[in-house]
């Protein structure tokens, strides 16, 4: 007969000591009683005791007390403690939320590619996913629009060892972009997008310090209209640099863009063994 331990107490409720782990910024943990998983934003002293603030992938914040055996780190029970001010500030996560690999060398570029519509899209992807892309050997190129996408894909010639991913702005039913994307077929090419008119909108307004992205009348250049509505100089290049400077990590981006870019990276690198 198989014997079972009479102790069915969950591991985080047992009184055995758990390793202490500094609650360094960007450390990803799960709170044991609620299952809330997020990255450490800050630790604070309160009248009730020390607390830690976590932020999940969708930007939601939750505050939890720093209690013994209160969190799971990679599935193991730990006790979070306030980090020492003298501790080195080496990041544990990349801007995309992936585990940082200090000293990792860039991989030789693979044959597969990710295409994006414009320079601003490419610069945003580089800022948030650049570390991941270099480790994976994925090159991102911009197209200056997708009007000729079907012929561009044909010229590239996607294959099993050279997959192609394409990120499209304003990919919504009935749009010009959706009609162009529908012309692209093949198992080695993937076209995904986001619903925003321009990649500017994929940056959370709160990160830029505005209440919302303004509505621009149809027929008016969208970027120029945004600058005008916000009272910014009508210099779209300078406006973009202002927006880009507000992006520090994936937390500053809308989930619709996050999912699409990560889907493309997974698609281009599928089947890779090393």
C-alpha atoms as a PDB file:
ATOM      1  CA  UNK A   1       0.000   0.000   0.000  1.00  0.00           C
ATOM      2  CA  UNK A   2       1.149   3.540  -0.778  1.00  0.00           C
ATOM      3  CA  UNK A   3       1.509   5.669   2.343  1.00  0.00           C
ATOM      4  CA  UNK A   4       0.761   9.379   2.470  1.00  0.00           C
ATOM      5  CA  UNK A   5       1.960  12.051   4.830  1.00  0.00           C
ATOM      6  CA  UNK A   6      -0.823  13.208   7.163  1.00  0.00           C
ATOM      7  CA  UNK A   7       0.464  16.771   6.800  1.00  0.00           C
ATOM      8  CA  UNK A   8      -1.490  18.394   3.965  1.00  0.00           C
ATOM      9  CA  UNK A   9      -0.482  21.948   4.905  1.00  0.00           C
ATOM     10  CA  UNK A  10       0.497  24.009   1.836  1.00  0.00           C
ATOM     11  CA  UNK A  11       4.258  24.657   1.769  1.00  0.00           C
ATOM     12  CA  UNK A  12       3.884  28.412   2.253  1.00  0.00           C
ATOM     13  CA  UNK A  13       1.917  27.884   5.493  1.00  0.00           C
ATOM     14  CA  UNK A  14       4.492  25.647   7.148  1.00  0.00           C
ATOM     15  CA  UNK A  15       6.704  27.130   9.835  1.00  0.00           C
ATOM     16  CA  UNK A  16       9.996  25.892   8.402  1.00  0.00           C
ATOM     17  CA  UNK A  17      12.397  28.706   7.494  1.00  0.00           C
ATOM     18  CA  UNK A  18      12.366  29.992   3.941  1.00  0.00           C
ATOM     19  CA  UNK A  19      15.332  31.648   2.229  1.00  0.00           C
ATOM     20  CA  UNK A  20      15.403  35.432   2.400  1.00  0.00           C
ATOM     21  CA  UNK A  21      15.499  37.180  -0.957  1.00  0.00           C
ATOM     22  CA  UNK A  22      16.044  40.939  -1.409  1.00  0.00           C
ATOM     23  CA  UNK A  23      13.034  42.577  -3.091  1.00  0.00           C
ATOM     24  CA  UNK A  24      15.153  44.169  -5.803  1.00  0.00           C
ATOM     25  CA  UNK A  25      13.400  46.175  -8.536  1.00  0.00           C
ATOM     26  CA  UNK A  26      12.110  44.006 -11.425  1.00  0.00           C
ATOM     27  CA  UNK A  27      12.279  40.766  -9.423  1.00  0.00           C
ATOM     28  CA  UNK A  28       9.200  38.735 -10.458  1.00  0.00           C
ATOM     29  CA  UNK A  29       7.395  36.872  -7.661  1.00  0.00           C
ATOM     30  CA  UNK A  30       3.965  35.472  -6.873  1.00  0.00           C
ATOM     31  CA  UNK A  31       2.086  36.355  -3.682  1.00  0.00           C
ATOM     32  CA  UNK A  32       1.041  33.070  -2.088  1.00  0.00           C
ATOM     33  CA  UNK A  33      -2.463  33.871  -0.841  1.00  0.00           C
ATOM     34  CA  UNK A  34      -3.803  35.654  -3.938  1.00  0.00           C
ATOM     35  CA  UNK A  35      -1.684  34.215  -6.752  1.00  0.00           C
ATOM     36  CA  UNK A  36      -0.936  37.742  -7.971  1.00  0.00           C
ATOM     37  CA  UNK A  37       2.269  37.635 -10.019  1.00  0.00           C
ATOM     38  CA  UNK A  38       4.277  40.732 -10.809  1.00  0.00           C
ATOM     39  CA  UNK A  39       7.571  42.573 -10.794  1.00  0.00           C
ATOM     40  CA  UNK A  40       8.783  44.460  -7.742  1.00  0.00           C
ATOM     41  CA  UNK A  41       8.278  48.206  -8.173  1.00  0.00           C
ATOM     42  CA  UNK A  42       9.267  49.481  -4.736  1.00  0.00           C
ATOM     43  CA  UNK A  43       9.474  48.700  -1.039  1.00  0.00           C
ATOM     44  CA  UNK A  44       8.165  51.117   1.572  1.00  0.00           C
ATOM     45  CA  UNK A  45       7.922  51.538   5.345  1.00  0.00           C
ATOM     46  CA  UNK A  46       4.382  52.005   6.643  1.00  0.00           C
ATOM     47  CA  UNK A  47       2.794  52.256  10.079  1.00  0.00           C
ATOM     48  CA  UNK A  48       1.704  48.621   9.716  1.00  0.00           C
ATOM     49  CA  UNK A  49       5.156  47.444   8.631  1.00  0.00           C
ATOM     50  CA  UNK A  50       7.198  47.152   5.430  1.00  0.00           C
ATOM     51  CA  UNK A  51       5.364  46.575   2.144  1.00  0.00           C
ATOM     52  CA  UNK A  52       6.245  45.702  -1.422  1.00  0.00           C
ATOM     53  CA  UNK A  53       4.422  46.918  -4.537  1.00  0.00           C
ATOM     54  CA  UNK A  54       4.127  44.499  -7.468  1.00  0.00           C
ATOM     55  CA  UNK A  55       3.107  45.294 -11.041  1.00  0.00           C
ATOM     56  CA  UNK A  56       1.749  42.643 -13.384  1.00  0.00           C
ATOM     57  CA  UNK A  57       2.149  42.496 -17.179  1.00  0.00           C
ATOM     58  CA  UNK A  58      -0.936  44.638 -17.685  1.00  0.00           C
ATOM     59  CA  UNK A  59       0.274  47.476 -15.463  1.00  0.00           C
ATOM     60  CA  UNK A  60      -1.931  46.629 -12.461  1.00  0.00           C
ATOM     61  CA  UNK A  61      -0.361  47.412  -9.067  1.00  0.00           C
ATOM     62  CA  UNK A  62      -0.911  45.549  -5.797  1.00  0.00           C
ATOM     63  CA  UNK A  63       0.660  46.259  -2.408  1.00  0.00           C
ATOM     64  CA  UNK A  64       1.520  43.377  -0.063  1.00  0.00           C
ATOM     65  CA  UNK A  65       3.110  43.188   3.387  1.00  0.00           C
ATOM     66  CA  UNK A  66       6.637  41.794   3.577  1.00  0.00           C
ATOM     67  CA  UNK A  67       5.870  38.772   5.739  1.00  0.00           C
ATOM     68  CA  UNK A  68       7.755  35.540   6.228  1.00  0.00           C
ATOM     69  CA  UNK A  69       7.068  32.854   3.597  1.00  0.00           C
ATOM     70  CA  UNK A  70       4.766  35.255   1.772  1.00  0.00           C
ATOM     71  CA  UNK A  71       5.930  34.790  -1.834  1.00  0.00           C
ATOM     72  CA  UNK A  72       6.910  32.233  -4.442  1.00  0.00           C
ATOM     73  CA  UNK A  73      10.038  32.739  -6.527  1.00  0.00           C
ATOM     74  CA  UNK A  74      10.261  30.327  -9.476  1.00  0.00           C
ATOM     75  CA  UNK A  75       7.820  28.068  -7.622  1.00  0.00           C
ATOM     76  CA  UNK A  76       9.710  28.038  -4.314  1.00  0.00           C
ATOM     77  CA  UNK A  77       8.577  29.672  -1.083  1.00  0.00           C
ATOM     78  CA  UNK A  78      10.712  32.647  -0.064  1.00  0.00           C
ATOM     79  CA  UNK A  79      10.678  35.500   2.410  1.00  0.00           C
ATOM     80  CA  UNK A  80      11.109  38.833   0.705  1.00  0.00           C
ATOM     81  CA  UNK A  81      13.154  41.414   2.576  1.00  0.00           C
ATOM     82  CA  UNK A  82      13.915  45.034   1.844  1.00  0.00           C
ATOM     83  CA  UNK A  83      17.023  45.287  -0.346  1.00  0.00           C
ATOM     84  CA  UNK A  84      20.178  46.754   1.095  1.00  0.00           C
ATOM     85  CA  UNK A  85      20.918  50.246  -0.165  1.00  0.00           C
ATOM     86  CA  UNK A  86      24.498  49.108  -0.652  1.00  0.00           C
ATOM     87  CA  UNK A  87      23.518  46.216  -2.889  1.00  0.00           C
ATOM     88  CA  UNK A  88      24.667  46.448  -6.522  1.00  0.00           C
ATOM     89  CA  UNK A  89      21.992  47.765  -8.871  1.00  0.00           C
ATOM     90  CA  UNK A  90      22.488  45.259 -11.695  1.00  0.00           C
ATOM     91  CA  UNK A  91      19.091  44.703 -13.341  1.00  0.00           C
ATOM     92  CA  UNK A  92      17.600  41.229 -13.035  1.00  0.00           C
ATOM     93  CA  UNK A  93      15.189  41.752 -15.933  1.00  0.00           C
ATOM     94  CA  UNK A  94      15.430  43.210 -19.389  1.00  0.00           C
ATOM     95  CA  UNK A  95      13.121  46.013 -20.513  1.00  0.00           C
ATOM     96  CA  UNK A  96      10.790  43.356 -21.975  1.00  0.00           C
ATOM     97  CA  UNK A  97      10.529  41.538 -18.631  1.00  0.00           C
ATOM     98  CA  UNK A  98      12.776  38.624 -19.605  1.00  0.00           C
ATOM     99  CA  UNK A  99      15.482  37.337 -17.269  1.00  0.00           C
ATOM    100  CA  UNK A 100      18.623  39.404 -17.837  1.00  0.00           C
ATOM    101  CA  UNK A 101      21.767  37.551 -18.906  1.00  0.00           C
ATOM    102  CA  UNK A 102      24.711  39.768 -17.890  1.00  0.00           C
ATOM    103  CA  UNK A 103      27.644  39.552 -20.271  1.00  0.00           C
ATOM    104  CA  UNK A 104      25.714  37.584 -22.900  1.00  0.00           C
ATOM    105  CA  UNK A 105      27.124  37.977 -26.406  1.00  0.00           C
ATOM    106  CA  UNK A 106      24.887  38.777 -29.338  1.00  0.00           C
ATOM    107  CA  UNK A 107      24.101  35.753 -31.457  1.00  0.00           C
ATOM    108  CA  UNK A 108      24.971  35.715 -35.141  1.00  0.00           C
ATOM    109  CA  UNK A 109      21.913  36.982 -36.995  1.00  0.00           C
ATOM    110  CA  UNK A 110      19.593  34.229 -38.191  1.00  0.00           C
ATOM    111  CA  UNK A 111      18.053  34.219 -41.646  1.00  0.00           C
ATOM    112  CA  UNK A 112      14.584  34.995 -40.291  1.00  0.00           C
ATOM    113  CA  UNK A 113      13.504  38.596 -39.899  1.00  0.00           C
ATOM    114  CA  UNK A 114      10.866  40.790 -38.312  1.00  0.00           C
ATOM    115  CA  UNK A 115       9.554  43.635 -40.458  1.00  0.00           C
ATOM    116  CA  UNK A 116       7.803  46.664 -38.972  1.00  0.00           C
ATOM    117  CA  UNK A 117       6.125  49.538 -40.772  1.00  0.00           C
ATOM    118  CA  UNK A 118       8.349  52.473 -39.899  1.00  0.00           C
ATOM    119  CA  UNK A 119      11.359  53.848 -38.080  1.00  0.00           C
ATOM    120  CA  UNK A 120       9.382  54.693 -34.949  1.00  0.00           C
ATOM    121  CA  UNK A 121       8.109  51.109 -34.687  1.00  0.00           C
ATOM    122  CA  UNK A 122      11.667  49.808 -35.062  1.00  0.00           C
ATOM    123  CA  UNK A 123      13.055  52.174 -32.427  1.00  0.00           C
ATOM    124  CA  UNK A 124      10.347  51.220 -29.935  1.00  0.00           C
ATOM    125  CA  UNK A 125      10.884  47.492 -30.484  1.00  0.00           C
ATOM    126  CA  UNK A 126      14.640  47.974 -30.078  1.00  0.00           C
ATOM    127  CA  UNK A 127      14.259  49.914 -26.835  1.00  0.00           C
ATOM    128  CA  UNK A 128      12.029  47.317 -25.165  1.00  0.00           C
ATOM    129  CA  UNK A 129      13.069  44.024 -26.806  1.00  0.00           C
ATOM    130  CA  UNK A 130      16.596  44.846 -27.990  1.00  0.00           C
ATOM    131  CA  UNK A 131      18.385  42.652 -25.430  1.00  0.00           C
ATOM    132  CA  UNK A 132      16.155  39.679 -26.251  1.00  0.00           C
ATOM    133  CA  UNK A 133      16.561  40.144 -30.000  1.00  0.00           C
ATOM    134  CA  UNK A 134      20.354  40.214 -29.816  1.00  0.00           C
ATOM    135  CA  UNK A 135      20.462  37.036 -27.738  1.00  0.00           C
ATOM    136  CA  UNK A 136      18.087  35.347 -30.213  1.00  0.00           C
ATOM    137  CA  UNK A 137      19.886  36.721 -33.280  1.00  0.00           C
ATOM    138  CA  UNK A 138      16.735  38.338 -34.676  1.00  0.00           C
ATOM    139  CA  UNK A 139      17.075  41.418 -36.890  1.00  0.00           C
ATOM    140  CA  UNK A 140      14.254  43.982 -37.111  1.00  0.00           C
ATOM    141  CA  UNK A 141      13.901  46.050 -40.288  1.00  0.00           C
ATOM    142  CA  UNK A 142      11.434  48.807 -41.161  1.00  0.00           C
ATOM    143  CA  UNK A 143       9.555  49.085 -44.448  1.00  0.00           C
ATOM    144  CA  UNK A 144       8.332  52.704 -44.752  1.00  0.00           C
ATOM    145  CA  UNK A 145       4.775  51.438 -45.070  1.00  0.00           C
ATOM    146  CA  UNK A 146       3.130  48.165 -46.114  1.00  0.00           C
ATOM    147  CA  UNK A 147       1.448  49.079 -49.411  1.00  0.00           C
ATOM    148  CA  UNK A 148       3.795  46.684 -51.241  1.00  0.00           C
ATOM    149  CA  UNK A 149       3.837  44.020 -48.519  1.00  0.00           C
ATOM    150  CA  UNK A 150       2.805  41.027 -50.710  1.00  0.00           C
ATOM    151  CA  UNK A 151       5.670  41.648 -53.151  1.00  0.00           C
ATOM    152  CA  UNK A 152       8.093  42.319 -50.291  1.00  0.00           C
ATOM    153  CA  UNK A 153       7.206  38.962 -48.730  1.00  0.00           C
ATOM    154  CA  UNK A 154       7.607  37.197 -52.091  1.00  0.00           C
ATOM    155  CA  UNK A 155      11.024  38.772 -52.580  1.00  0.00           C
ATOM    156  CA  UNK A 156      12.107  37.731 -49.076  1.00  0.00           C
ATOM    157  CA  UNK A 157      11.083  34.129 -49.734  1.00  0.00           C
ATOM    158  CA  UNK A 158      10.120  32.807 -46.280  1.00  0.00           C
ATOM    159  CA  UNK A 159      11.267  29.250 -45.585  1.00  0.00           C
ATOM    160  CA  UNK A 160      11.452  26.817 -42.676  1.00  0.00           C
ATOM    161  CA  UNK A 161      14.917  28.127 -41.764  1.00  0.00           C
ATOM    162  CA  UNK A 162      14.071  31.758 -42.604  1.00  0.00           C
ATOM    163  CA  UNK A 163      10.728  32.648 -41.128  1.00  0.00           C
ATOM    164  CA  UNK A 164       9.319  36.136 -41.573  1.00  0.00           C
ATOM    165  CA  UNK A 165       7.218  38.057 -39.065  1.00  0.00           C
ATOM    166  CA  UNK A 166       5.495  41.345 -39.881  1.00  0.00           C
ATOM    167  CA  UNK A 167       4.096  43.882 -37.411  1.00  0.00           C
ATOM    168  CA  UNK A 168       1.337  46.075 -38.852  1.00  0.00           C
ATOM    169  CA  UNK A 169      -0.197  49.251 -37.421  1.00  0.00           C
ATOM    170  CA  UNK A 170      -4.002  49.647 -37.338  1.00  0.00           C
ATOM    171  CA  UNK A 171      -4.698  46.013 -38.150  1.00  0.00           C
ATOM    172  CA  UNK A 172      -8.457  46.059 -37.568  1.00  0.00           C
ATOM    173  CA  UNK A 173     -11.335  44.567 -39.608  1.00  0.00           C
ATOM    174  CA  UNK A 174     -12.172  46.632 -42.668  1.00  0.00           C
ATOM    175  CA  UNK A 175      -9.005  48.699 -42.679  1.00  0.00           C
ATOM    176  CA  UNK A 176      -6.684  49.071 -45.654  1.00  0.00           C
ATOM    177  CA  UNK A 177      -4.020  47.345 -43.591  1.00  0.00           C
ATOM    178  CA  UNK A 178      -6.211  44.299 -42.977  1.00  0.00           C
ATOM    179  CA  UNK A 179      -6.909  43.938 -46.705  1.00  0.00           C
ATOM    180  CA  UNK A 180      -3.199  44.059 -47.531  1.00  0.00           C
ATOM    181  CA  UNK A 181      -2.347  41.588 -44.761  1.00  0.00           C
ATOM    182  CA  UNK A 182      -4.973  39.166 -46.094  1.00  0.00           C
ATOM    183  CA  UNK A 183      -3.028  38.928 -49.358  1.00  0.00           C
ATOM    184  CA  UNK A 184      -0.034  37.471 -47.537  1.00  0.00           C
ATOM    185  CA  UNK A 185      -0.221  33.704 -47.112  1.00  0.00           C
ATOM    186  CA  UNK A 186       2.145  30.884 -46.217  1.00  0.00           C
ATOM    187  CA  UNK A 187       3.069  28.801 -43.181  1.00  0.00           C
ATOM    188  CA  UNK A 188       6.484  30.457 -42.831  1.00  0.00           C
ATOM    189  CA  UNK A 189       5.198  34.033 -42.657  1.00  0.00           C
ATOM    190  CA  UNK A 190       3.122  35.604 -39.888  1.00  0.00           C
ATOM    191  CA  UNK A 191       1.428  38.998 -40.033  1.00  0.00           C
ATOM    192  CA  UNK A 192       0.126  40.375 -36.737  1.00  0.00           C
ATOM    193  CA  UNK A 193      -0.649  43.867 -35.595  1.00  0.00           C
ATOM    194  CA  UNK A 194      -2.208  46.196 -33.093  1.00  0.00           C
ATOM    195  CA  UNK A 195      -5.375  48.324 -33.291  1.00  0.00           C
ATOM    196  CA  UNK A 196      -3.701  51.720 -32.957  1.00  0.00           C
ATOM    197  CA  UNK A 197      -3.527  54.223 -35.822  1.00  0.00           C
ATOM    198  CA  UNK A 198       0.178  54.653 -35.123  1.00  0.00           C
ATOM    199  CA  UNK A 199       2.662  53.028 -32.777  1.00  0.00           C
ATOM    200  CA  UNK A 200       2.666  56.249 -30.732  1.00  0.00           C
ATOM    201  CA  UNK A 201      -0.722  55.175 -29.376  1.00  0.00           C
ATOM    202  CA  UNK A 202       0.755  51.886 -28.163  1.00  0.00           C
ATOM    203  CA  UNK A 203       2.611  53.867 -25.484  1.00  0.00           C
ATOM    204  CA  UNK A 204       0.403  54.281 -22.420  1.00  0.00           C
ATOM    205  CA  UNK A 205      -0.793  57.899 -22.068  1.00  0.00           C
ATOM    206  CA  UNK A 206       0.058  57.837 -18.353  1.00  0.00           C
ATOM    207  CA  UNK A 207       3.689  57.070 -19.213  1.00  0.00           C
ATOM    208  CA  UNK A 208       3.821  60.141 -21.451  1.00  0.00           C
ATOM    209  CA  UNK A 209       2.118  62.300 -18.840  1.00  0.00           C
ATOM    210  CA  UNK A 210      -1.129  62.880 -20.714  1.00  0.00           C
ATOM    211  CA  UNK A 211      -4.713  61.889 -19.902  1.00  0.00           C
ATOM    212  CA  UNK A 212      -5.332  60.222 -23.275  1.00  0.00           C
ATOM    213  CA  UNK A 213      -4.203  60.265 -26.879  1.00  0.00           C
ATOM    214  CA  UNK A 214      -6.295  62.930 -28.622  1.00  0.00           C
ATOM    215  CA  UNK A 215      -8.790  62.221 -31.372  1.00  0.00           C
ATOM    216  CA  UNK A 216      -7.616  63.624 -34.707  1.00  0.00           C
ATOM    217  CA  UNK A 217     -10.184  64.509 -37.429  1.00  0.00           C
ATOM    218  CA  UNK A 218     -10.243  62.183 -40.434  1.00  0.00           C
ATOM    219  CA  UNK A 219      -8.136  63.513 -43.289  1.00  0.00           C
ATOM    220  CA  UNK A 220      -5.676  65.324 -41.012  1.00  0.00           C
ATOM    221  CA  UNK A 221      -2.159  63.958 -40.564  1.00  0.00           C
ATOM    222  CA  UNK A 222      -2.500  62.021 -37.326  1.00  0.00           C
ATOM    223  CA  UNK A 223       0.904  62.777 -35.806  1.00  0.00           C
ATOM    224  CA  UNK A 224       0.730  66.473 -36.622  1.00  0.00           C
ATOM    225  CA  UNK A 225      -2.806  66.576 -35.227  1.00  0.00           C
ATOM    226  CA  UNK A 226      -1.643  64.932 -32.001  1.00  0.00           C
ATOM    227  CA  UNK A 227       1.111  67.529 -31.576  1.00  0.00           C
ATOM    228  CA  UNK A 228      -1.352  70.331 -32.209  1.00  0.00           C
ATOM    229  CA  UNK A 229      -3.957  68.957 -29.799  1.00  0.00           C
ATOM    230  CA  UNK A 230      -1.391  68.477 -27.032  1.00  0.00           C
ATOM    231  CA  UNK A 231       0.149  71.900 -27.526  1.00  0.00           C
ATOM    232  CA  UNK A 232       3.481  70.447 -28.595  1.00  0.00           C
ATOM    233  CA  UNK A 233       5.600  71.981 -31.383  1.00  0.00           C
ATOM    234  CA  UNK A 234       4.457  70.516 -34.693  1.00  0.00           C
ATOM    235  CA  UNK A 235       7.701  68.611 -35.153  1.00  0.00           C
ATOM    236  CA  UNK A 236       6.812  64.930 -35.284  1.00  0.00           C
ATOM    237  CA  UNK A 237      10.426  63.784 -35.039  1.00  0.00           C
ATOM    238  CA  UNK A 238      10.994  65.738 -31.831  1.00  0.00           C
ATOM    239  CA  UNK A 239       7.599  64.609 -30.522  1.00  0.00           C
ATOM    240  CA  UNK A 240       8.533  60.962 -31.065  1.00  0.00           C
ATOM    241  CA  UNK A 241      11.814  61.370 -29.208  1.00  0.00           C
ATOM    242  CA  UNK A 242       9.852  62.890 -26.347  1.00  0.00           C
ATOM    243  CA  UNK A 243       7.490  59.899 -26.325  1.00  0.00           C
ATOM    244  CA  UNK A 244      10.265  57.326 -26.695  1.00  0.00           C
ATOM    245  CA  UNK A 245      12.196  58.846 -23.781  1.00  0.00           C
ATOM    246  CA  UNK A 246       9.190  58.059 -21.555  1.00  0.00           C
ATOM    247  CA  UNK A 247       9.369  54.343 -22.349  1.00  0.00           C
ATOM    248  CA  UNK A 248      11.508  52.473 -19.840  1.00  0.00           C
ATOM    249  CA  UNK A 249      10.116  48.959 -20.108  1.00  0.00           C
ATOM    250  CA  UNK A 250       7.187  46.842 -21.272  1.00  0.00           C
ATOM    251  CA  UNK A 251       5.121  48.367 -18.457  1.00  0.00           C
ATOM    252  CA  UNK A 252       4.888  51.579 -20.486  1.00  0.00           C
ATOM    253  CA  UNK A 253       3.270  49.813 -23.456  1.00  0.00           C
ATOM    254  CA  UNK A 254      -0.274  48.643 -24.132  1.00  0.00           C
ATOM    255  CA  UNK A 255      -0.882  44.852 -23.893  1.00  0.00           C
ATOM    256  CA  UNK A 256      -2.046  44.699 -27.530  1.00  0.00           C
ATOM    257  CA  UNK A 257       1.453  45.614 -28.734  1.00  0.00           C
ATOM    258  CA  UNK A 258       3.242  43.442 -26.177  1.00  0.00           C
ATOM    259  CA  UNK A 259       1.425  40.299 -27.241  1.00  0.00           C
ATOM    260  CA  UNK A 260       1.991  40.919 -30.950  1.00  0.00           C
ATOM    261  CA  UNK A 261       5.742  41.525 -30.694  1.00  0.00           C
ATOM    262  CA  UNK A 262       6.307  38.537 -28.428  1.00  0.00           C
ATOM    263  CA  UNK A 263       4.239  36.379 -30.788  1.00  0.00           C
ATOM    264  CA  UNK A 264       6.495  37.424 -33.676  1.00  0.00           C
ATOM    265  CA  UNK A 265       9.699  36.698 -31.750  1.00  0.00           C
ATOM    266  CA  UNK A 266       8.400  33.247 -30.818  1.00  0.00           C
ATOM    267  CA  UNK A 267       7.362  32.592 -34.428  1.00  0.00           C
ATOM    268  CA  UNK A 268      10.695  33.589 -35.957  1.00  0.00           C
ATOM    269  CA  UNK A 269      12.711  31.562 -33.440  1.00  0.00           C
ATOM    270  CA  UNK A 270      10.483  28.446 -33.376  1.00  0.00           C
ATOM    271  CA  UNK A 271      12.238  25.114 -33.599  1.00  0.00           C
ATOM    272  CA  UNK A 272      15.571  26.570 -32.533  1.00  0.00           C
ATOM    273  CA  UNK A 273      17.531  24.252 -30.344  1.00  0.00           C
ATOM    274  CA  UNK A 274      20.335  26.491 -29.243  1.00  0.00           C
END
